[in-house]
Each structure stands twice: as structure tokens, then as C-alpha cells.
Protein backbone atom coordinates (compact mmCIF):
# COMPACT_ATOMS: atom_id res chain seq x y z
CA MET A 1 84.94 127.02 75.37
CA ILE A 2 81.32 127.62 76.28
CA LEU A 3 78.47 127.17 73.80
CA GLY A 4 77.90 130.96 73.57
CA ASP A 5 81.53 131.51 72.60
CA VAL A 6 81.27 128.88 69.88
CA ALA A 7 78.14 130.50 68.47
CA GLU A 8 79.86 133.91 68.47
CA VAL A 9 82.91 132.52 66.66
CA LEU A 10 80.68 130.82 64.08
CA PHE A 11 78.74 134.07 63.59
CA VAL A 12 81.97 135.97 62.94
CA HIS A 13 83.07 133.37 60.38
CA LEU A 14 79.67 133.50 58.70
CA ARG A 15 79.76 137.30 58.52
CA VAL A 16 83.25 137.20 56.95
CA ALA A 17 82.06 134.67 54.35
CA VAL A 18 78.98 136.78 53.53
CA TYR A 19 81.17 139.88 53.24
CA HIS A 20 83.51 138.15 50.76
CA PHE A 21 80.53 136.95 48.75
CA PHE A 22 79.12 140.51 48.82
CA CYS A 23 82.45 141.89 47.55
CA ARG A 24 82.63 139.38 44.69
CA LEU A 25 79.09 140.10 43.55
CA TYR A 26 79.65 143.85 43.80
CA ALA A 27 82.95 143.61 41.91
CA MET A 28 81.60 141.42 39.12
CA TYR A 29 78.06 142.78 38.74
CA PRO A 30 77.90 146.20 40.47
CA ARG A 31 74.83 147.64 38.71
CA ASN A 32 72.79 144.43 38.89
CA PHE A 33 73.79 143.75 42.49
CA ILE A 34 72.99 147.27 43.71
CA SER A 35 69.69 147.14 41.82
CA PHE A 36 68.89 143.82 43.51
CA LEU A 37 69.70 145.23 46.96
CA GLN A 38 67.53 148.28 46.30
CA ASP A 39 64.62 146.11 45.15
CA GLN A 40 64.91 143.93 48.24
CA CYS A 41 65.06 146.94 50.58
CA VAL A 42 62.08 148.66 48.93
CA SER A 43 59.99 145.49 48.93
CA GLY A 44 60.64 145.00 52.64
CA HIS A 45 62.62 141.76 52.40
CA PHE A 46 65.51 143.37 54.29
CA HIS A 47 63.43 144.76 57.12
CA ALA A 48 65.54 143.36 59.95
CA ARG A 49 67.73 146.04 61.51
CA GLU A 50 70.74 143.70 61.62
CA THR A 51 70.47 142.98 57.90
CA GLN A 52 70.26 146.66 57.02
CA GLU A 53 73.24 147.44 59.26
CA ALA A 54 75.27 144.63 57.69
CA ILE A 55 74.51 145.86 54.16
CA GLN A 56 75.39 149.42 55.16
CA SER A 57 78.71 148.35 56.70
CA PHE A 58 79.52 146.24 53.62
CA LEU A 59 78.77 149.19 51.30
CA LEU A 60 80.98 151.47 53.38
CA SER A 61 83.89 149.06 52.92
CA VAL A 62 83.95 149.13 49.09
CA ARG A 63 84.97 151.80 46.63
CA LEU A 64 82.60 153.36 44.15
CA HIS A 65 82.73 150.91 41.27
CA PRO A 66 83.58 152.63 37.95
CA GLN A 67 80.97 150.52 36.16
CA LEU A 68 78.22 152.14 38.23
CA VAL A 69 78.94 155.30 36.24
CA LEU A 70 80.45 153.98 33.01
CA GLY A 71 78.76 150.63 32.45
CA SER A 72 75.36 149.12 31.84
CA GLN A 73 73.44 146.25 33.42
CA GLN A 74 73.41 144.40 30.10
CA GLY A 75 77.18 144.77 29.72
CA GLU A 76 77.75 143.16 33.13
CA THR A 77 76.06 139.94 32.10
CA SER A 78 77.61 139.77 28.66
CA THR A 79 79.31 136.44 28.00
CA SER A 80 82.33 138.23 26.55
CA LYS A 81 83.06 140.17 29.75
CA TRP A 82 85.00 137.39 31.47
CA ARG A 83 85.98 135.34 28.43
CA GLY A 84 89.70 134.78 28.24
CA LEU A 85 90.38 135.61 31.89
CA ASP A 86 91.58 132.96 34.27
CA ALA A 87 90.38 132.70 37.87
CA GLN A 88 93.37 134.60 39.24
CA ALA A 89 92.76 137.58 36.94
CA ILE A 90 89.11 137.71 37.97
CA GLU A 91 90.10 137.52 41.64
CA VAL A 92 92.56 140.41 41.21
CA GLU A 93 89.89 142.49 39.53
CA CYS A 94 87.43 141.71 42.33
CA SER A 95 89.94 142.65 45.04
CA GLN A 96 90.37 146.14 43.60
CA VAL A 97 86.95 147.39 44.77
CA SER A 98 87.41 146.51 48.42
CA VAL A 99 89.13 148.96 50.75
CA ASP A 100 90.13 146.17 53.16
């Protein structure tokens, strides 16, 4: 395997990891996460074309989260939101917003 191939494989693995992290944040905190992304785009922190394309492709791979319409930013960070749920239940809830 040549060095370029290794770098490409590592890049693919990194992109998959970032995508899964994106999905978890979007699933758990959709309003706050979208607000954060908007703030970063407006302020120019996401000015690189590759970053904007990655965010766009990630957004195209998730469903419209019901909490974007029905919820509030304060409700997302409430301590009672996840109380009583085990890790598997949270993971199942997170997997429901991805179309993958």
C-alpha cells in the first residue's frame, strides 16, 4: 500500500467518524446544533469549500427532525430529557433521524 492510499483510507475513516458524530448531535440537540452550524457559517468559520460541502452532504442524509418544529432549544438541554433512558434507548432514538 502506498502512502497516498493510506492517507485516503484514513480520510474516509475520519469522514465516517465525523458523520456519526454529526448524526448524534443532530439527533440529540437538533435546534441547538443547527443554530451552531448557522452561526459558524455566518461568521465565516466554515469558509472552506470542503467543509461546506461536507455539512451539506451530512444534512442531506438526515430526516427533518420533529423537534425542529415542535421543540425548543431550552427543552433540548433539559436534564429531564434523557433521564431514565439507558444508552441503547438513546442510540435507537438517534438512529431514527438518519436515512442511512
